[in-house]
PDB file of N, CA and C in Angstrom:
ATOM      1  N   MET A   1       0.911  -1.037  -0.068  1.00  0.00           N
ATOM      2  CA  MET A   1       0.017  -0.041   0.089  1.00  0.00           C
ATOM      3  C   MET A   1       0.804   1.168  -0.139  1.00  0.00           C
ATOM      4  N   LYS A   2       0.805   2.139  -0.817  1.00  0.00           N
ATOM      5  CA  LYS A   2       1.458   3.266  -1.129  1.00  0.00           C
ATOM      6  C   LYS A   2       0.525   4.434  -0.379  1.00  0.00           C
ATOM      7  N   HIS A   3       1.407   5.372   0.470  1.00  0.00           N
ATOM      8  CA  HIS A   3       0.657   6.343   1.235  1.00  0.00           C
ATOM      9  C   HIS A   3       1.648   7.627   1.405  1.00  0.00           C
ATOM     10  N   ARG A   4       0.991   8.752   1.309  1.00  0.00           N
ATOM     11  CA  ARG A   4       1.637   9.938   1.653  1.00  0.00           C
ATOM     12  C   ARG A   4       1.183  10.997   2.626  1.00  0.00           C
ATOM     13  N   ASN A   5       1.820  11.794   3.188  1.00  0.00           N
ATOM     14  CA  ASN A   5       1.328  12.714   4.341  1.00  0.00           C
ATOM     15  C   ASN A   5       1.930  14.055   3.887  1.00  0.00           C
ATOM     16  N   PHE A   6       0.876  14.856   3.754  1.00  0.00           N
ATOM     17  CA  PHE A   6       1.445  16.266   3.242  1.00  0.00           C
ATOM     18  C   PHE A   6       2.494  16.808   4.149  1.00  0.00           C
ATOM     19  N   ASN A   7       2.594  16.527   5.449  1.00  0.00           N
ATOM     20  CA  ASN A   7       3.509  17.047   6.373  1.00  0.00           C
ATOM     21  C   ASN A   7       4.806  16.880   6.010  1.00  0.00           C
ATOM     22  N   THR A   8       5.011  15.614   5.462  1.00  0.00           N
ATOM     23  CA  THR A   8       6.294  15.045   5.124  1.00  0.00           C
ATOM     24  C   THR A   8       7.033  14.912   3.889  1.00  0.00           C
ATOM     25  N   GLU A   9       5.831  15.326   2.827  1.00  0.00           N
ATOM     26  CA  GLU A   9       6.362  15.524   1.543  1.00  0.00           C
ATOM     27  C   GLU A   9       7.318  16.675   1.260  1.00  0.00           C
ATOM     28  N   PRO A  10       8.163  16.753   0.389  1.00  0.00           N
ATOM     29  CA  PRO A  10       8.980  17.720   0.067  1.00  0.00           C
ATOM     30  C   PRO A  10       8.049  18.966  -0.689  1.00  0.00           C
ATOM     31  N   LEU A  11       8.546  20.154  -0.570  1.00  0.00           N
ATOM     32  CA  LEU A  11       8.055  21.430  -1.262  1.00  0.00           C
ATOM     33  C   LEU A  11       8.440  21.069  -2.655  1.00  0.00           C
ATOM     34  N   VAL A  12       7.515  21.742  -3.659  1.00  0.00           N
ATOM     35  CA  VAL A  12       7.856  21.722  -5.050  1.00  0.00           C
ATOM     36  C   VAL A  12       7.926  23.000  -5.183  1.00  0.00           C
ATOM     37  N   GLU A  13       9.141  23.447  -6.134  1.00  0.00           N
ATOM     38  CA  GLU A  13       9.398  24.881  -6.646  1.00  0.00           C
ATOM     39  C   GLU A  13       8.122  25.023  -7.514  1.00  0.00           C
ATOM     40  N   ASN A  14       7.606  26.492  -7.364  1.00  0.00           N
ATOM     41  CA  ASN A  14       6.699  26.832  -8.384  1.00  0.00           C
ATOM     42  C   ASN A  14       6.559  28.449  -8.603  1.00  0.00           C
ATOM     43  N   PRO A  15       6.196  28.777  -9.492  1.00  0.00           N
ATOM     44  CA  PRO A  15       6.074  30.315 -10.010  1.00  0.00           C
ATOM     45  C   PRO A  15       5.307  31.071  -8.964  1.00  0.00           C
ATOM     46  N   HIS A  16       4.658  30.624  -8.191  1.00  0.00           N
ATOM     47  CA  HIS A  16       3.740  31.366  -7.194  1.00  0.00           C
ATOM     48  C   HIS A  16       4.507  31.524  -5.948  1.00  0.00           C
ATOM     49  N   LYS A  17       5.483  30.873  -5.771  1.00  0.00           N
ATOM     50  CA  LYS A  17       6.404  30.988  -4.488  1.00  0.00           C
ATOM     51  C   LYS A  17       5.429  30.617  -3.208  1.00  0.00           C
ATOM     52  N   VAL A  18       4.581  29.574  -3.337  1.00  0.00           N
ATOM     53  CA  VAL A  18       3.817  29.218  -2.045  1.00  0.00           C
ATOM     54  C   VAL A  18       4.078  27.682  -1.767  1.00  0.00           C
ATOM     55  N   ASN A  19       3.594  27.284  -0.719  1.00  0.00           N
ATOM     56  CA  ASN A  19       3.875  25.997  -0.051  1.00  0.00           C
ATOM     57  C   ASN A  19       2.921  25.028  -0.990  1.00  0.00           C
ATOM     58  N   LEU A  20       3.655  24.300  -2.002  1.00  0.00           N
ATOM     59  CA  LEU A  20       3.020  23.289  -2.622  1.00  0.00           C
ATOM     60  C   LEU A  20       3.745  22.002  -2.582  1.00  0.00           C
ATOM     61  N   LYS A  21       2.907  21.010  -2.398  1.00  0.00           N
ATOM     62  CA  LYS A  21       3.479  19.491  -2.331  1.00  0.00           C
ATOM     63  C   LYS A  21       2.628  18.688  -3.260  1.00  0.00           C
ATOM     64  N   LYS A  22       3.424  17.748  -3.941  1.00  0.00           N
ATOM     65  CA  LYS A  22       2.790  16.942  -4.980  1.00  0.00           C
ATOM     66  C   LYS A  22       2.484  15.698  -3.906  1.00  0.00           C
ATOM     67  N   LEU A  23       1.407  15.313  -3.987  1.00  0.00           N
ATOM     68  CA  LEU A  23       0.708  14.087  -3.438  1.00  0.00           C
ATOM     69  C   LEU A  23       0.635  12.888  -4.255  1.00  0.00           C
ATOM     70  N   TYR A  24       0.234  13.094  -5.362  1.00  0.00           N
ATOM     71  CA  TYR A  24      -0.019  12.221  -6.322  1.00  0.00           C
ATOM     72  C   TYR A  24       0.330  12.485  -7.819  1.00  0.00           C
ATOM     73  N   ALA A  25       0.985  11.741  -8.615  1.00  0.00           N
ATOM     74  CA  ALA A  25       1.194  12.009  -9.728  1.00  0.00           C
ATOM     75  C   ALA A  25       1.145  10.723 -10.723  1.00  0.00           C
ATOM     76  N   GLY A  26      -0.019  10.351 -11.423  1.00  0.00           N
ATOM     77  CA  GLY A  26      -0.301   9.335 -12.155  1.00  0.00           C
ATOM     78  C   GLY A  26      -0.179   9.610 -13.398  1.00  0.00           C
ATOM     79  N   LYS A  27      -0.638   8.764 -14.556  1.00  0.00           N
ATOM     80  CA  LYS A  27      -0.543   8.652 -15.865  1.00  0.00           C
ATOM     81  C   LYS A  27      -1.651   9.822 -16.357  1.00  0.00           C
ATOM     82  N   ASN A  28      -2.748   9.981 -15.714  1.00  0.00           N
ATOM     83  CA  ASN A  28      -3.737  10.746 -16.189  1.00  0.00           C
ATOM     84  C   ASN A  28      -4.209  11.894 -15.001  1.00  0.00           C
ATOM     85  N   VAL A  29      -3.732  11.911 -14.058  1.00  0.00           N
ATOM     86  CA  VAL A  29      -3.956  12.763 -12.975  1.00  0.00           C
ATOM     87  C   VAL A  29      -2.899  13.178 -12.090  1.00  0.00           C
ATOM     88  N   LYS A  30      -2.943  14.352 -11.527  1.00  0.00           N
ATOM     89  CA  LYS A  30      -1.944  14.876 -10.651  1.00  0.00           C
ATOM     90  C   LYS A  30      -2.878  15.554  -9.406  1.00  0.00           C
ATOM     91  N   ALA A  31      -2.471  15.273  -8.075  1.00  0.00           N
ATOM     92  CA  ALA A  31      -2.843  15.890  -6.970  1.00  0.00           C
ATOM     93  C   ALA A  31      -1.996  16.590  -5.907  1.00  0.00           C
ATOM     94  N   MET A  32      -2.252  17.976  -5.919  1.00  0.00           N
ATOM     95  CA  MET A  32      -1.234  18.783  -5.206  1.00  0.00           C
ATOM     96  C   MET A  32      -1.906  19.209  -3.987  1.00  0.00           C
ATOM     97  N   HIS A  33      -1.090  19.678  -2.971  1.00  0.00           N
ATOM     98  CA  HIS A  33      -1.395  20.111  -1.818  1.00  0.00           C
ATOM     99  C   HIS A  33      -0.920  21.517  -1.576  1.00  0.00           C
ATOM    100  N   ILE A  34      -1.966  22.560  -1.323  1.00  0.00           N
ATOM    101  CA  ILE A  34      -1.511  23.916  -1.435  1.00  0.00           C
ATOM    102  C   ILE A  34      -1.872  24.560  -0.009  1.00  0.00           C
ATOM    103  N   LEU A  35      -0.976  25.090   0.625  1.00  0.00           N
ATOM    104  CA  LEU A  35      -1.045  25.756   1.836  1.00  0.00           C
ATOM    105  C   LEU A  35      -0.570  27.331   1.531  1.00  0.00           C
ATOM    106  N   LEU A  36      -1.935  28.078   1.958  1.00  0.00           N
ATOM    107  CA  LEU A  36      -1.749  29.591   1.633  1.00  0.00           C
ATOM    108  C   LEU A  36      -1.758  30.095   3.024  1.00  0.00           C
ATOM    109  N   GLU A  37      -0.715  30.933   3.366  1.00  0.00           N
ATOM    110  CA  GLU A  37      -0.844  31.569   4.741  1.00  0.00           C
ATOM    111  C   GLU A  37      -1.500  33.036   4.436  1.00  0.00           C
ATOM    112  N   PRO A  38      -1.975  33.460   5.409  1.00  0.00           N
ATOM    113  CA  PRO A  38      -2.669  34.885   5.329  1.00  0.00           C
ATOM    114  C   PRO A  38      -1.973  35.818   4.188  1.00  0.00           C
ATOM    115  N   GLY A  39      -2.716  36.357   3.411  1.00  0.00           N
ATOM    116  CA  GLY A  39      -2.013  37.250   2.262  1.00  0.00           C
ATOM    117  C   GLY A  39      -1.417  36.648   1.234  1.00  0.00           C
ATOM    118  N   GLU A  40      -1.122  35.342   1.109  1.00  0.00           N
ATOM    119  CA  GLU A  40      -0.468  34.595   0.179  1.00  0.00           C
ATOM    120  C   GLU A  40      -1.617  34.588  -0.917  1.00  0.00           C
ATOM    121  N   SER A  41      -0.959  34.123  -2.241  1.00  0.00           N
ATOM    122  CA  SER A  41      -2.119  33.788  -3.448  1.00  0.00           C
ATOM    123  C   SER A  41      -1.222  33.279  -4.491  1.00  0.00           C
ATOM    124  N   LEU A  42      -1.964  32.389  -5.496  1.00  0.00           N
ATOM    125  CA  LEU A  42      -1.421  32.056  -6.506  1.00  0.00           C
ATOM    126  C   LEU A  42      -1.698  33.183  -7.648  1.00  0.00           C
ATOM    127  N   LYS A  43      -0.801  33.302  -8.663  1.00  0.00           N
ATOM    128  CA  LYS A  43      -0.703  34.175  -9.739  1.00  0.00           C
ATOM    129  C   LYS A  43      -1.720  33.847 -10.492  1.00  0.00           C
ATOM    130  N   PRO A  44      -2.746  34.711 -11.310  1.00  0.00           N
ATOM    131  CA  PRO A  44      -3.601  34.191 -12.243  1.00  0.00           C
ATOM    132  C   PRO A  44      -2.764  33.573 -13.368  1.00  0.00           C
ATOM    133  N   HIS A  45      -3.486  32.343 -13.712  1.00  0.00           N
ATOM    134  CA  HIS A  45      -2.662  31.670 -14.745  1.00  0.00           C
ATOM    135  C   HIS A  45      -3.880  30.620 -15.590  1.00  0.00           C
ATOM    136  N   LYS A  46      -3.646  29.955 -16.639  1.00  0.00           N
ATOM    137  CA  LYS A  46      -4.399  28.948 -17.205  1.00  0.00           C
ATOM    138  C   LYS A  46      -3.686  27.691 -17.372  1.00  0.00           C
ATOM    139  N   THR A  47      -4.608  26.723 -17.188  1.00  0.00           N
ATOM    140  CA  THR A  47      -4.077  25.308 -17.426  1.00  0.00           C
ATOM    141  C   THR A  47      -4.673  24.661 -18.711  1.00  0.00           C
ATOM    142  N   PRO A  48      -4.051  23.983 -19.380  1.00  0.00           N
ATOM    143  CA  PRO A  48      -4.779  23.301 -20.503  1.00  0.00           C
ATOM    144  C   PRO A  48      -5.533  22.048 -20.231  1.00  0.00           C
ATOM    145  N   VAL A  49      -5.872  21.751 -18.989  1.00  0.00           N
ATOM    146  CA  VAL A  49      -6.564  20.628 -18.479  1.00  0.00           C
ATOM    147  C   VAL A  49      -7.448  21.062 -17.339  1.00  0.00           C
ATOM    148  N   ASP A  50      -8.836  20.332 -17.299  1.00  0.00           N
ATOM    149  CA  ASP A  50      -9.632  20.595 -16.289  1.00  0.00           C
ATOM    150  C   ASP A  50      -8.827  20.517 -14.851  1.00  0.00           C
ATOM    151  N   VAL A  51      -9.426  21.247 -13.940  1.00  0.00           N
ATOM    152  CA  VAL A  51      -8.941  21.274 -12.601  1.00  0.00           C
ATOM    153  C   VAL A  51     -10.038  21.330 -11.568  1.00  0.00           C
ATOM    154  N   PHE A  52      -9.811  20.756 -10.567  1.00  0.00           N
ATOM    155  CA  PHE A  52     -10.751  20.959  -9.380  1.00  0.00           C
ATOM    156  C   PHE A  52      -9.984  21.296  -7.895  1.00  0.00           C
ATOM    157  N   PHE A  53     -10.501  22.088  -7.388  1.00  0.00           N
ATOM    158  CA  PHE A  53      -9.942  22.486  -5.991  1.00  0.00           C
ATOM    159  C   PHE A  53     -11.068  21.964  -4.841  1.00  0.00           C
ATOM    160  N   TYR A  54     -10.491  21.298  -3.875  1.00  0.00           N
ATOM    161  CA  TYR A  54     -11.224  20.735  -2.571  1.00  0.00           C
ATOM    162  C   TYR A  54     -10.742  21.844  -1.476  1.00  0.00           C
ATOM    163  N   VAL A  55     -11.450  22.598  -0.804  1.00  0.00           N
ATOM    164  CA  VAL A  55     -11.100  23.356   0.307  1.00  0.00           C
ATOM    165  C   VAL A  55     -11.074  22.311   1.619  1.00  0.00           C
ATOM    166  N   LEU A  56      -9.845  21.954   2.069  1.00  0.00           N
ATOM    167  CA  LEU A  56      -9.657  21.223   3.223  1.00  0.00           C
ATOM    168  C   LEU A  56      -9.733  21.890   4.506  1.00  0.00           C
ATOM    169  N   GLU A  57      -9.381  23.241   4.637  1.00  0.00           N
ATOM    170  CA  GLU A  57      -9.376  24.189   5.842  1.00  0.00           C
ATOM    171  C   GLU A  57      -9.286  25.531   5.416  1.00  0.00           C
ATOM    172  N   GLY A  58      -9.849  26.398   6.217  1.00  0.00           N
ATOM    173  CA  GLY A  58      -9.699  27.794   5.957  1.00  0.00           C
ATOM    174  C   GLY A  58     -10.805  28.446   5.037  1.00  0.00           C
ATOM    175  N   ASN A  59     -10.618  29.494   4.324  1.00  0.00           N
ATOM    176  CA  ASN A  59     -11.633  30.195   3.755  1.00  0.00           C
ATOM    177  C   ASN A  59     -10.955  31.054   2.609  1.00  0.00           C
ATOM    178  N   PRO A  60     -10.505  30.268   1.466  1.00  0.00           N
ATOM    179  CA  PRO A  60      -9.647  30.766   0.464  1.00  0.00           C
ATOM    180  C   PRO A  60     -10.853  31.699  -0.480  1.00  0.00           C
ATOM    181  N   THR A  61     -10.298  32.472  -1.368  1.00  0.00           N
ATOM    182  CA  THR A  61     -11.096  33.149  -2.540  1.00  0.00           C
ATOM    183  C   THR A  61     -10.702  32.364  -3.629  1.00  0.00           C
ATOM    184  N   ILE A  62     -11.556  31.947  -4.454  1.00  0.00           N
ATOM    185  CA  ILE A  62     -11.131  31.418  -5.588  1.00  0.00           C
ATOM    186  C   ILE A  62     -11.916  32.026  -6.722  1.00  0.00           C
ATOM    187  N   SER A  63     -11.111  32.468  -7.668  1.00  0.00           N
ATOM    188  CA  SER A  63     -11.512  33.384  -8.939  1.00  0.00           C
ATOM    189  C   SER A  63     -11.282  32.356  -9.890  1.00  0.00           C
ATOM    190  N   ILE A  64     -12.209  32.293 -10.689  1.00  0.00           N
ATOM    191  CA  ILE A  64     -12.295  31.518 -12.074  1.00  0.00           C
ATOM    192  C   ILE A  64     -12.986  32.360 -13.206  1.00  0.00           C
ATOM    193  N   GLY A  65     -12.163  32.646 -14.126  1.00  0.00           N
ATOM    194  CA  GLY A  65     -12.553  33.688 -15.206  1.00  0.00           C
ATOM    195  C   GLY A  65     -13.003  35.195 -14.451  1.00  0.00           C
ATOM    196  N   ASP A  66     -14.121  35.696 -14.541  1.00  0.00           N
ATOM    197  CA  ASP A  66     -14.463  36.869 -14.026  1.00  0.00           C
ATOM    198  C   ASP A  66     -15.355  36.552 -12.714  1.00  0.00           C
ATOM    199  N   GLU A  67     -15.262  35.488 -12.284  1.00  0.00           N
ATOM    200  CA  GLU A  67     -16.061  35.051 -10.947  1.00  0.00           C
ATOM    201  C   GLU A  67     -15.021  34.895  -9.747  1.00  0.00           C
ATOM    202  N   SER A  68     -15.436  35.534  -8.595  1.00  0.00           N
ATOM    203  CA  SER A  68     -14.614  35.081  -7.538  1.00  0.00           C
ATOM    204  C   SER A  68     -15.647  35.056  -6.138  1.00  0.00           C
ATOM    205  N   ALA A  69     -15.114  34.048  -5.413  1.00  0.00           N
ATOM    206  CA  ALA A  69     -16.057  33.839  -4.161  1.00  0.00           C
ATOM    207  C   ALA A  69     -15.213  33.286  -2.963  1.00  0.00           C
ATOM    208  N   VAL A  70     -15.608  33.550  -1.948  1.00  0.00           N
ATOM    209  CA  VAL A  70     -14.997  33.052  -0.697  1.00  0.00           C
ATOM    210  C   VAL A  70     -15.632  31.506  -0.306  1.00  0.00           C
ATOM    211  N   PHE A  71     -14.855  30.635  -0.319  1.00  0.00           N
ATOM    212  CA  PHE A  71     -15.313  29.310   0.105  1.00  0.00           C
ATOM    213  C   PHE A  71     -15.010  28.621   1.249  1.00  0.00           C
ATOM    214  N   GLU A  72     -15.713  27.785   1.774  1.00  0.00           N
ATOM    215  CA  GLU A  72     -15.596  27.282   3.013  1.00  0.00           C
ATOM    216  C   GLU A  72     -15.047  25.823   3.020  1.00  0.00           C
ATOM    217  N   LYS A  73     -14.521  25.376   3.965  1.00  0.00           N
ATOM    218  CA  LYS A  73     -14.164  23.903   4.119  1.00  0.00           C
ATOM    219  C   LYS A  73     -15.144  22.874   3.772  1.00  0.00           C
ATOM    220  N   ASP A  74     -14.748  21.967   2.984  1.00  0.00           N
ATOM    221  CA  ASP A  74     -15.370  20.808   2.310  1.00  0.00           C
ATOM    222  C   ASP A  74     -16.249  21.413   1.132  1.00  0.00           C
ATOM    223  N   THR A  75     -15.718  22.298   0.332  1.00  0.00           N
ATOM    224  CA  THR A  75     -16.553  22.732  -0.895  1.00  0.00           C
ATOM    225  C   THR A  75     -15.341  22.398  -1.858  1.00  0.00           C
ATOM    226  N   LEU A  76     -16.156  21.966  -2.999  1.00  0.00           N
ATOM    227  CA  LEU A  76     -15.347  21.437  -4.312  1.00  0.00           C
ATOM    228  C   LEU A  76     -15.619  22.469  -5.199  1.00  0.00           C
ATOM    229  N   ILE A  77     -14.780  23.006  -5.915  1.00  0.00           N
ATOM    230  CA  ILE A  77     -14.827  24.118  -6.823  1.00  0.00           C
ATOM    231  C   ILE A  77     -14.165  23.699  -8.515  1.00  0.00           C
ATOM    232  N   GLU A  78     -14.983  23.605  -9.320  1.00  0.00           N
ATOM    233  CA  GLU A  78     -14.478  23.252 -10.771  1.00  0.00           C
ATOM    234  C   GLU A  78     -13.837  24.395 -11.574  1.00  0.00           C
ATOM    235  N   SER A  79     -12.818  24.056 -12.238  1.00  0.00           N
ATOM    236  CA  SER A  79     -12.256  25.241 -13.011  1.00  0.00           C
ATOM    237  C   SER A  79     -11.778  24.459 -14.307  1.00  0.00           C
ATOM    238  N   PRO A  80     -12.550  25.002 -15.602  1.00  0.00           N
ATOM    239  CA  PRO A  80     -12.375  24.273 -16.800  1.00  0.00           C
ATOM    240  C   PRO A  80     -11.029  24.578 -17.373  1.00  0.00           C
ATOM    241  N   ALA A  81     -10.649  23.978 -18.065  1.00  0.00           N
ATOM    242  CA  ALA A  81      -9.360  23.984 -19.085  1.00  0.00           C
ATOM    243  C   ALA A  81      -9.351  25.530 -19.656  1.00  0.00           C
ATOM    244  N   HIS A  82      -8.339  26.058 -19.810  1.00  0.00           N
ATOM    245  CA  HIS A  82      -8.008  27.385 -20.548  1.00  0.00           C
ATOM    246  C   HIS A  82      -8.741  28.578 -19.991  1.00  0.00           C
ATOM    247  N   ILE A  83      -9.223  28.551 -19.135  1.00  0.00           N
ATOM    248  CA  ILE A  83      -9.760  29.700 -18.219  1.00  0.00           C
ATOM    249  C   ILE A  83      -8.856  30.260 -17.247  1.00  0.00           C
ATOM    250  N   VAL A  84      -8.726  31.549 -17.020  1.00  0.00           N
ATOM    251  CA  VAL A  84      -7.652  32.032 -16.013  1.00  0.00           C
ATOM    252  C   VAL A  84      -8.290  31.874 -14.719  1.00  0.00           C
ATOM    253  N   HIS A  85      -7.596  31.242 -13.813  1.00  0.00           N
ATOM    254  CA  HIS A  85      -7.774  31.021 -12.437  1.00  0.00           C
ATOM    255  C   HIS A  85      -6.674  31.255 -11.515  1.00  0.00           C
ATOM    256  N   TRP A  86      -7.080  31.620 -10.277  1.00  0.00           N
ATOM    257  CA  TRP A  86      -6.212  31.796  -9.083  1.00  0.00           C
ATOM    258  C   TRP A  86      -6.824  31.780  -7.912  1.00  0.00           C
ATOM    259  N   ILE A  87      -5.952  31.548  -6.724  1.00  0.00           N
ATOM    260  CA  ILE A  87      -6.522  31.469  -5.280  1.00  0.00           C
ATOM    261  C   ILE A  87      -5.816  32.217  -4.412  1.00  0.00           C
ATOM    262  N   SER A  88      -6.483  33.131  -3.547  1.00  0.00           N
ATOM    263  CA  SER A  88      -5.908  33.864  -2.709  1.00  0.00           C
ATOM    264  C   SER A  88      -6.442  33.718  -1.169  1.00  0.00           C
ATOM    265  N   ASN A  89      -5.691  34.137  -0.236  1.00  0.00           N
ATOM    266  CA  ASN A  89      -6.320  33.774   1.317  1.00  0.00           C
ATOM    267  C   ASN A  89      -6.203  35.280   1.863  1.00  0.00           C
ATOM    268  N   GLU A  90      -7.405  35.757   1.748  1.00  0.00           N
ATOM    269  CA  GLU A  90      -7.390  37.148   2.381  1.00  0.00           C
ATOM    270  C   GLU A  90      -7.849  37.099   3.711  1.00  0.00           C
ATOM    271  N   SER A  91      -8.156  35.883   4.301  1.00  0.00           N
ATOM    272  CA  SER A  91      -8.445  35.664   5.768  1.00  0.00           C
ATOM    273  C   SER A  91      -7.406  35.859   6.624  1.00  0.00           C
ATOM    274  N   GLU A  92      -7.581  35.618   8.039  1.00  0.00           N
ATOM    275  CA  GLU A  92      -6.568  35.741   9.038  1.00  0.00           C
ATOM    276  C   GLU A  92      -6.093  34.403   9.412  1.00  0.00           C
ATOM    277  N   ALA A  93      -6.589  33.101   8.743  1.00  0.00           N
ATOM    278  CA  ALA A  93      -6.000  31.998   9.081  1.00  0.00           C
ATOM    279  C   ALA A  93      -5.586  31.231   7.842  1.00  0.00           C
ATOM    280  N   ALA A  94      -4.704  30.345   8.047  1.00  0.00           N
ATOM    281  CA  ALA A  94      -4.177  29.480   6.897  1.00  0.00           C
ATOM    282  C   ALA A  94      -5.268  28.901   6.135  1.00  0.00           C
ATOM    283  N   ALA A  95      -5.127  28.560   4.935  1.00  0.00           N
ATOM    284  CA  ALA A  95      -6.070  27.813   4.010  1.00  0.00           C
ATOM    285  C   ALA A  95      -5.360  26.683   3.312  1.00  0.00           C
ATOM    286  N   ARG A  96      -5.859  25.422   3.412  1.00  0.00           N
ATOM    287  CA  ARG A  96      -5.433  24.366   2.606  1.00  0.00           C
ATOM    288  C   ARG A  96      -6.318  24.076   1.732  1.00  0.00           C
ATOM    289  N   ILE A  97      -5.764  23.633   0.451  1.00  0.00           N
ATOM    290  CA  ILE A  97      -6.490  23.215  -0.936  1.00  0.00           C
ATOM    291  C   ILE A  97      -5.922  22.176  -1.493  1.00  0.00           C
ATOM    292  N   LEU A  98      -6.713  21.063  -1.772  1.00  0.00           N
ATOM    293  CA  LEU A  98      -6.315  20.005  -2.615  1.00  0.00           C
ATOM    294  C   LEU A  98      -6.657  20.233  -4.048  1.00  0.00           C
ATOM    295  N   LEU A  99      -5.805  20.459  -4.965  1.00  0.00           N
ATOM    296  CA  LEU A  99      -5.611  20.783  -6.365  1.00  0.00           C
ATOM    297  C   LEU A  99      -5.485  19.184  -7.068  1.00  0.00           C
ATOM    298  N   VAL A 100      -6.474  19.164  -8.010  1.00  0.00           N
ATOM    299  CA  VAL A 100      -6.409  17.999  -8.785  1.00  0.00           C
ATOM    300  C   VAL A 100      -6.594  18.299 -10.298  1.00  0.00           C
ATOM    301  N   LYS A 101      -5.668  18.019 -10.884  1.00  0.00           N
ATOM    302  CA  LYS A 101      -5.543  18.200 -12.579  1.00  0.00           C
ATOM    303  C   LYS A 101      -5.918  16.878 -13.194  1.00  0.00           C
ATOM    304  N   THR A 102      -6.806  16.913 -14.146  1.00  0.00           N
ATOM    305  CA  THR A 102      -7.170  15.553 -14.937  1.00  0.00           C
ATOM    306  C   THR A 102      -7.474  15.987 -16.569  1.00  0.00           C
ATOM    307  N   PRO A 103      -6.858  15.436 -17.498  1.00  0.00           N
ATOM    308  CA  PRO A 103      -5.799  14.450 -17.436  1.00  0.00           C
ATOM    309  C   PRO A 103      -4.552  15.465 -17.037  1.00  0.00           C
ATOM    310  N   ASP A 104      -3.397  14.702 -16.651  1.00  0.00           N
ATOM    311  CA  ASP A 104      -2.245  15.553 -16.357  1.00  0.00           C
ATOM    312  C   ASP A 104      -1.503  15.586 -17.299  1.00  0.00           C
ATOM    313  N   THR A 105      -1.239  16.516 -18.064  1.00  0.00           N
ATOM    314  CA  THR A 105      -0.398  16.735 -19.339  1.00  0.00           C
ATOM    315  C   THR A 105       0.812  17.834 -18.969  1.00  0.00           C
ATOM    316  N   THR A 106       0.549  18.427 -17.844  1.00  0.00           N
ATOM    317  CA  THR A 106       1.369  19.628 -17.703  1.00  0.00           C
ATOM    318  C   THR A 106       1.936  19.689 -16.344  1.00  0.00           C
ATOM    319  N   THR A 107       2.736  20.594 -15.868  1.00  0.00           N
ATOM    320  CA  THR A 107       3.249  20.885 -14.620  1.00  0.00           C
ATOM    321  C   THR A 107       2.413  22.201 -14.032  1.00  0.00           C
ATOM    322  N   LEU A 108       2.366  22.388 -12.838  1.00  0.00           N
ATOM    323  CA  LEU A 108       1.794  23.522 -12.284  1.00  0.00           C
ATOM    324  C   LEU A 108       2.220  24.775 -12.631  1.00  0.00           C
TER     325      LEU A 108
END
């Protein structure tokens, strides 16, 4: 049985300069863990694949295209391919988000 814990996985260098850890990379899917401290954010960007975000903790603001909303724990947010998206943490507590790309043909 394979398993991983985000606490012990190494950080992944990324253009957003945030705490990002790869939890799974298979042939057709990639799962990443994002930890955003208060005031941190991902830069607006597009991916050539569909993405979904699952809020594990906190209340991040997720922006997809021209829509933005603050989401609470246990919410899944879909982001279609080729649409600008980003995540920011405007709250006073850390936010943890699971990011899943499918099919995975790119890097973050």
